[in-house]
């Protein structure tokens, strides 16, 4: 089952898309487009929408970890 690996990879790619460094940003955008195409999505938005529940969970988890680290 590829799903756990796909979801982890998508999170990492989205982080790269948000990079302030142009090369990382552009590489992340290209990789996301390639993944969307490989999984028969018409665009990246469709790929993200299909996995929105997972992303919401990941963001919540990361915010909780950050909060616990800062308040310790």
PDB file of N, CA and C in Angstrom:
ATOM      1  N   UNK A   1       0.847  -1.190   0.000  1.00  0.00           N
ATOM      2  CA  UNK A   1       0.000   0.000   0.000  1.00  0.00           C
ATOM      3  C   UNK A   1       0.887   1.247   0.000  1.00  0.00           C
ATOM      4  N   UNK A   2       0.742   2.066  -0.992  1.00  0.00           N
ATOM      5  CA  UNK A   2       1.568   3.260  -1.161  1.00  0.00           C
ATOM      6  C   UNK A   2       1.044   4.466  -0.388  1.00  0.00           C
ATOM      7  N   UNK A   3      -0.189   4.435   0.064  1.00  0.00           N
ATOM      8  CA  UNK A   3      -0.842   5.615   0.633  1.00  0.00           C
ATOM      9  C   UNK A   3      -0.052   6.278   1.768  1.00  0.00           C
ATOM     10  N   UNK A   4       0.451   5.539   2.766  1.00  0.00           N
ATOM     11  CA  UNK A   4       1.210   6.217   3.833  1.00  0.00           C
ATOM     12  C   UNK A   4       2.448   6.938   3.298  1.00  0.00           C
ATOM     13  N   UNK A   5       3.093   6.342   2.303  1.00  0.00           N
ATOM     14  CA  UNK A   5       4.285   6.960   1.727  1.00  0.00           C
ATOM     15  C   UNK A   5       3.921   8.184   0.898  1.00  0.00           C
ATOM     16  N   UNK A   6       2.825   8.092   0.177  1.00  0.00           N
ATOM     17  CA  UNK A   6       2.363   9.225  -0.624  1.00  0.00           C
ATOM     18  C   UNK A   6       2.049  10.416   0.268  1.00  0.00           C
ATOM     19  N   UNK A   7       1.331  10.183   1.338  1.00  0.00           N
ATOM     20  CA  UNK A   7       0.922  11.277   2.210  1.00  0.00           C
ATOM     21  C   UNK A   7       2.127  11.940   2.867  1.00  0.00           C
ATOM     22  N   UNK A   8       3.086  11.157   3.316  1.00  0.00           N
ATOM     23  CA  UNK A   8       4.308  11.713   3.910  1.00  0.00           C
ATOM     24  C   UNK A   8       5.063  12.538   2.862  1.00  0.00           C
ATOM     25  N   UNK A   9       5.146  12.000   1.664  1.00  0.00           N
ATOM     26  CA  UNK A   9       5.839  12.693   0.583  1.00  0.00           C
ATOM     27  C   UNK A   9       5.143  14.001   0.227  1.00  0.00           C
ATOM     28  N   UNK A  10       3.821  13.989   0.177  1.00  0.00           N
ATOM     29  CA  UNK A  10       3.086  15.213  -0.144  1.00  0.00           C
ATOM     30  C   UNK A  10       3.343  16.301   0.890  1.00  0.00           C
ATOM     31  N   UNK A  11       3.396  15.931   2.156  1.00  0.00           N
ATOM     32  CA  UNK A  11       3.690  16.927   3.198  1.00  0.00           C
ATOM     33  C   UNK A  11       5.068  17.540   2.982  1.00  0.00           C
ATOM     34  N   UNK A  12       6.047  16.699   2.694  1.00  0.00           N
ATOM     35  CA  UNK A  12       7.401  17.203   2.458  1.00  0.00           C
ATOM     36  C   UNK A  12       7.445  18.108   1.224  1.00  0.00           C
ATOM     37  N   UNK A  13       6.740  17.726   0.182  1.00  0.00           N
ATOM     38  CA  UNK A  13       6.724  18.549  -1.028  1.00  0.00           C
ATOM     39  C   UNK A  13       6.039  19.888  -0.785  1.00  0.00           C
ATOM     40  N   UNK A  14       4.963  19.889  -0.035  1.00  0.00           N
ATOM     41  CA  UNK A  14       4.282  21.153   0.274  1.00  0.00           C
ATOM     42  C   UNK A  14       5.177  22.073   1.092  1.00  0.00           C
ATOM     43  N   UNK A  15       5.991  21.496   1.967  1.00  0.00           N
ATOM     44  CA  UNK A  15       6.949  22.316   2.714  1.00  0.00           C
ATOM     45  C   UNK A  15       7.939  22.964   1.759  1.00  0.00           C
ATOM     46  N   UNK A  16       8.386  22.216   0.755  1.00  0.00           N
ATOM     47  CA  UNK A  16       9.336  22.763  -0.216  1.00  0.00           C
ATOM     48  C   UNK A  16       8.694  23.866  -1.038  1.00  0.00           C
ATOM     49  N   UNK A  17       7.442  23.700  -1.401  1.00  0.00           N
ATOM     50  CA  UNK A  17       6.736  24.731  -2.166  1.00  0.00           C
ATOM     51  C   UNK A  17       6.698  26.037  -1.376  1.00  0.00           C
ATOM     52  N   UNK A  18       6.619  25.946  -0.063  1.00  0.00           N
ATOM     53  CA  UNK A  18       6.570  27.132   0.782  1.00  0.00           C
ATOM     54  C   UNK A  18       7.927  27.725   1.114  1.00  0.00           C
ATOM     55  N   UNK A  19       8.980  27.181   0.542  1.00  0.00           N
ATOM     56  CA  UNK A  19      10.330  27.659   0.841  1.00  0.00           C
ATOM     57  C   UNK A  19      10.557  29.074   0.311  1.00  0.00           C
ATOM     58  N   UNK A  20      11.355  29.829   1.046  1.00  0.00           N
ATOM     59  CA  UNK A  20      11.728  31.171   0.583  1.00  0.00           C
ATOM     60  C   UNK A  20      12.830  31.114  -0.477  1.00  0.00           C
ATOM     61  N   UNK A  21      13.418  29.939  -0.650  1.00  0.00           N
ATOM     62  CA  UNK A  21      14.470  29.756  -1.650  1.00  0.00           C
ATOM     63  C   UNK A  21      13.843  29.322  -2.974  1.00  0.00           C
ATOM     64  N   UNK A  22      14.097  30.102  -4.003  1.00  0.00           N
ATOM     65  CA  UNK A  22      13.423  29.891  -5.282  1.00  0.00           C
ATOM     66  C   UNK A  22      13.629  28.488  -5.848  1.00  0.00           C
ATOM     67  N   UNK A  23      14.856  27.970  -5.777  1.00  0.00           N
ATOM     68  CA  UNK A  23      15.111  26.637  -6.331  1.00  0.00           C
ATOM     69  C   UNK A  23      14.303  25.561  -5.614  1.00  0.00           C
ATOM     70  N   UNK A  24      14.219  25.635  -4.289  1.00  0.00           N
ATOM     71  CA  UNK A  24      13.414  24.664  -3.543  1.00  0.00           C
ATOM     72  C   UNK A  24      11.936  24.816  -3.876  1.00  0.00           C
ATOM     73  N   UNK A  25      11.483  26.058  -3.943  1.00  0.00           N
ATOM     74  CA  UNK A  25      10.080  26.328  -4.287  1.00  0.00           C
ATOM     75  C   UNK A  25       9.728  25.741  -5.656  1.00  0.00           C
ATOM     76  N   UNK A  26      10.532  26.051  -6.655  1.00  0.00           N
ATOM     77  CA  UNK A  26      10.242  25.589  -8.013  1.00  0.00           C
ATOM     78  C   UNK A  26      10.319  24.070  -8.134  1.00  0.00           C
ATOM     79  N   UNK A  27      11.288  23.481  -7.447  1.00  0.00           N
ATOM     80  CA  UNK A  27      11.411  22.024  -7.462  1.00  0.00           C
ATOM     81  C   UNK A  27      10.202  21.376  -6.803  1.00  0.00           C
ATOM     82  N   UNK A  28       9.727  21.957  -5.703  1.00  0.00           N
ATOM     83  CA  UNK A  28       8.534  21.440  -5.036  1.00  0.00           C
ATOM     84  C   UNK A  28       7.304  21.529  -5.918  1.00  0.00           C
ATOM     85  N   UNK A  29       7.150  22.643  -6.609  1.00  0.00           N
ATOM     86  CA  UNK A  29       6.013  22.824  -7.525  1.00  0.00           C
ATOM     87  C   UNK A  29       6.064  21.781  -8.643  1.00  0.00           C
ATOM     88  N   UNK A  30       7.234  21.610  -9.231  1.00  0.00           N
ATOM     89  CA  UNK A  30       7.396  20.624 -10.314  1.00  0.00           C
ATOM     90  C   UNK A  30       7.087  19.223  -9.812  1.00  0.00           C
ATOM     91  N   UNK A  31       7.609  18.873  -8.646  1.00  0.00           N
ATOM     92  CA  UNK A  31       7.385  17.534  -8.095  1.00  0.00           C
ATOM     93  C   UNK A  31       5.902  17.299  -7.799  1.00  0.00           C
ATOM     94  N   UNK A  32       5.229  18.297  -7.233  1.00  0.00           N
ATOM     95  CA  UNK A  32       3.793  18.147  -6.960  1.00  0.00           C
ATOM     96  C   UNK A  32       2.997  17.949  -8.249  1.00  0.00           C
ATOM     97  N   UNK A  33       3.348  18.689  -9.274  1.00  0.00           N
ATOM     98  CA  UNK A  33       2.677  18.510 -10.566  1.00  0.00           C
ATOM     99  C   UNK A  33       2.915  17.109 -11.117  1.00  0.00           C
ATOM    100  N   UNK A  34       4.140  16.614 -10.974  1.00  0.00           N
ATOM    101  CA  UNK A  34       4.464  15.268 -11.446  1.00  0.00           C
ATOM    102  C   UNK A  34       3.683  14.203 -10.679  1.00  0.00           C
ATOM    103  N   UNK A  35       3.577  14.368  -9.364  1.00  0.00           N
ATOM    104  CA  UNK A  35       2.837  13.407  -8.541  1.00  0.00           C
ATOM    105  C   UNK A  35       1.352  13.434  -8.915  1.00  0.00           C
ATOM    106  N   UNK A  36       0.799  14.628  -9.066  1.00  0.00           N
ATOM    107  CA  UNK A  36      -0.614  14.737  -9.451  1.00  0.00           C
ATOM    108  C   UNK A  36      -0.862  14.021 -10.778  1.00  0.00           C
ATOM    109  N   UNK A  37       0.008  14.239 -11.735  1.00  0.00           N
ATOM    110  CA  UNK A  37      -0.128  13.590 -13.042  1.00  0.00           C
ATOM    111  C   UNK A  37      -0.002  12.073 -12.912  1.00  0.00           C
ATOM    112  N   UNK A  38       0.962  11.613 -12.107  1.00  0.00           N
ATOM    113  CA  UNK A  38       1.192  10.171 -11.936  1.00  0.00           C
ATOM    114  C   UNK A  38      -0.011   9.463 -11.323  1.00  0.00           C
ATOM    115  N   UNK A  39      -0.772  10.182 -10.497  1.00  0.00           N
ATOM    116  CA  UNK A  39      -1.944   9.596  -9.856  1.00  0.00           C
ATOM    117  C   UNK A  39      -3.248   9.988 -10.559  1.00  0.00           C
ATOM    118  N   UNK A  40      -3.115  10.389 -11.822  1.00  0.00           N
ATOM    119  CA  UNK A  40      -4.270  10.680 -12.687  1.00  0.00           C
ATOM    120  C   UNK A  40      -5.169  11.808 -12.188  1.00  0.00           C
ATOM    121  N   UNK A  41      -4.575  12.805 -11.551  1.00  0.00           N
ATOM    122  CA  UNK A  41      -5.327  13.998 -11.175  1.00  0.00           C
ATOM    123  C   UNK A  41      -5.102  15.052 -12.247  1.00  0.00           C
ATOM    124  N   UNK A  42      -6.096  15.880 -12.471  1.00  0.00           N
ATOM    125  CA  UNK A  42      -5.958  16.901 -13.508  1.00  0.00           C
ATOM    126  C   UNK A  42      -5.070  18.054 -13.067  1.00  0.00           C
ATOM    127  N   UNK A  43      -4.918  18.220 -11.742  1.00  0.00           N
ATOM    128  CA  UNK A  43      -4.046  19.280 -11.235  1.00  0.00           C
ATOM    129  C   UNK A  43      -3.701  19.012  -9.766  1.00  0.00           C
ATOM    130  N   UNK A  44      -2.821  19.838  -9.224  1.00  0.00           N
ATOM    131  CA  UNK A  44      -2.368  19.679  -7.839  1.00  0.00           C
ATOM    132  C   UNK A  44      -3.511  19.940  -6.864  1.00  0.00           C
ATOM    133  N   UNK A  45      -4.367  20.901  -7.167  1.00  0.00           N
ATOM    134  CA  UNK A  45      -5.488  21.212  -6.274  1.00  0.00           C
ATOM    135  C   UNK A  45      -6.369  19.985  -6.057  1.00  0.00           C
ATOM    136  N   UNK A  46      -6.593  19.230  -7.107  1.00  0.00           N
ATOM    137  CA  UNK A  46      -7.398  18.013  -6.995  1.00  0.00           C
ATOM    138  C   UNK A  46      -6.700  16.977  -6.105  1.00  0.00           C
ATOM    139  N   UNK A  47      -5.397  16.837  -6.264  1.00  0.00           N
ATOM    140  CA  UNK A  47      -4.614  15.917  -5.429  1.00  0.00           C
ATOM    141  C   UNK A  47      -4.696  16.311  -3.962  1.00  0.00           C
ATOM    142  N   UNK A  48      -4.544  17.595  -3.695  1.00  0.00           N
ATOM    143  CA  UNK A  48      -4.598  18.083  -2.312  1.00  0.00           C
ATOM    144  C   UNK A  48      -6.007  17.929  -1.746  1.00  0.00           C
ATOM    145  N   UNK A  49      -7.012  18.241  -2.534  1.00  0.00           N
ATOM    146  CA  UNK A  49      -8.393  18.116  -2.065  1.00  0.00           C
ATOM    147  C   UNK A  49      -8.714  16.673  -1.685  1.00  0.00           C
ATOM    148  N   UNK A  50      -8.203  15.737  -2.459  1.00  0.00           N
ATOM    149  CA  UNK A  50      -8.453  14.323  -2.167  1.00  0.00           C
ATOM    150  C   UNK A  50      -7.823  13.899  -0.840  1.00  0.00           C
ATOM    151  N   UNK A  51      -6.758  14.587  -0.441  1.00  0.00           N
ATOM    152  CA  UNK A  51      -6.037  14.224   0.779  1.00  0.00           C
ATOM    153  C   UNK A  51      -6.165  15.282   1.874  1.00  0.00           C
ATOM    154  N   UNK A  52      -7.170  16.136   1.773  1.00  0.00           N
ATOM    155  CA  UNK A  52      -7.331  17.261   2.701  1.00  0.00           C
ATOM    156  C   UNK A  52      -7.467  16.822   4.151  1.00  0.00           C
ATOM    157  N   UNK A  53      -8.177  15.738   4.405  1.00  0.00           N
ATOM    158  CA  UNK A  53      -8.335  15.262   5.787  1.00  0.00           C
ATOM    159  C   UNK A  53      -6.987  14.946   6.411  1.00  0.00           C
ATOM    160  N   UNK A  54      -6.123  14.304   5.642  1.00  0.00           N
ATOM    161  CA  UNK A  54      -4.799  13.965   6.147  1.00  0.00           C
ATOM    162  C   UNK A  54      -3.990  15.230   6.425  1.00  0.00           C
ATOM    163  N   UNK A  55      -4.031  16.198   5.513  1.00  0.00           N
ATOM    164  CA  UNK A  55      -3.258  17.422   5.710  1.00  0.00           C
ATOM    165  C   UNK A  55      -3.726  18.180   6.943  1.00  0.00           C
ATOM    166  N   UNK A  56      -5.024  18.225   7.144  1.00  0.00           N
ATOM    167  CA  UNK A  56      -5.565  18.886   8.330  1.00  0.00           C
ATOM    168  C   UNK A  56      -5.043  18.222   9.591  1.00  0.00           C
ATOM    169  N   UNK A  57      -5.029  16.912   9.598  1.00  0.00           N
ATOM    170  CA  UNK A  57      -4.516  16.158  10.738  1.00  0.00           C
ATOM    171  C   UNK A  57      -3.034  16.446  10.962  1.00  0.00           C
ATOM    172  N   UNK A  58      -2.259  16.492   9.892  1.00  0.00           N
ATOM    173  CA  UNK A  58      -0.824  16.753  10.006  1.00  0.00           C
ATOM    174  C   UNK A  58      -0.543  18.157  10.537  1.00  0.00           C
ATOM    175  N   UNK A  59      -1.263  19.137  10.039  1.00  0.00           N
ATOM    176  CA  UNK A  59      -1.071  20.516  10.504  1.00  0.00           C
ATOM    177  C   UNK A  59      -1.418  20.619  11.984  1.00  0.00           C
ATOM    178  N   UNK A  60      -2.518  20.018  12.389  1.00  0.00           N
ATOM    179  CA  UNK A  60      -2.923  20.028  13.795  1.00  0.00           C
ATOM    180  C   UNK A  60      -1.861  19.385  14.664  1.00  0.00           C
ATOM    181  N   UNK A  61      -1.352  18.247  14.241  1.00  0.00           N
ATOM    182  CA  UNK A  61      -0.323  17.537  14.997  1.00  0.00           C
ATOM    183  C   UNK A  61       0.946  18.372  15.129  1.00  0.00           C
ATOM    184  N   UNK A  62       1.366  18.997  14.046  1.00  0.00           N
ATOM    185  CA  UNK A  62       2.589  19.810  14.079  1.00  0.00           C
ATOM    186  C   UNK A  62       2.414  21.055  14.946  1.00  0.00           C
ATOM    187  N   UNK A  63       1.234  21.650  14.909  1.00  0.00           N
ATOM    188  CA  UNK A  63       0.981  22.812  15.763  1.00  0.00           C
ATOM    189  C   UNK A  63       0.999  22.420  17.237  1.00  0.00           C
ATOM    190  N   UNK A  64       0.437  21.268  17.567  1.00  0.00           N
ATOM    191  CA  UNK A  64       0.454  20.797  18.952  1.00  0.00           C
ATOM    192  C   UNK A  64       1.876  20.549  19.422  1.00  0.00           C
ATOM    193  N   UNK A  65       2.693  19.930  18.568  1.00  0.00           N
ATOM    194  CA  UNK A  65       4.093  19.681  18.923  1.00  0.00           C
ATOM    195  C   UNK A  65       4.832  20.998  19.128  1.00  0.00           C
ATOM    196  N   UNK A  66       4.602  21.956  18.250  1.00  0.00           N
ATOM    197  CA  UNK A  66       5.262  23.258  18.375  1.00  0.00           C
ATOM    198  C   UNK A  66       4.822  23.958  19.653  1.00  0.00           C
ATOM    199  N   UNK A  67       3.545  23.887  19.961  1.00  0.00           N
ATOM    200  CA  UNK A  67       3.025  24.515  21.172  1.00  0.00           C
ATOM    201  C   UNK A  67       3.647  23.886  22.410  1.00  0.00           C
ATOM    202  N   UNK A  68       3.723  22.566  22.453  1.00  0.00           N
ATOM    203  CA  UNK A  68       4.301  21.862  23.599  1.00  0.00           C
ATOM    204  C   UNK A  68       5.782  22.166  23.756  1.00  0.00           C
ATOM    205  N   UNK A  69       6.493  22.330  22.668  1.00  0.00           N
ATOM    206  CA  UNK A  69       7.917  22.649  22.721  1.00  0.00           C
ATOM    207  C   UNK A  69       8.128  24.062  23.260  1.00  0.00           C
ATOM    208  N   UNK A  70       7.310  25.003  22.822  1.00  0.00           N
ATOM    209  CA  UNK A  70       7.462  26.393  23.246  1.00  0.00           C
ATOM    210  C   UNK A  70       7.032  26.601  24.683  1.00  0.00           C
ATOM    211  N   UNK A  71       6.042  25.866  25.141  1.00  0.00           N
ATOM    212  CA  UNK A  71       5.530  26.097  26.489  1.00  0.00           C
ATOM    213  C   UNK A  71       6.269  25.277  27.544  1.00  0.00           C
ATOM    214  N   UNK A  72       7.195  24.426  27.119  1.00  0.00           N
ATOM    215  CA  UNK A  72       7.942  23.594  28.077  1.00  0.00           C
ATOM    216  C   UNK A  72       9.071  24.366  28.716  1.00  0.00           C
TER     217      UNK A  72
END
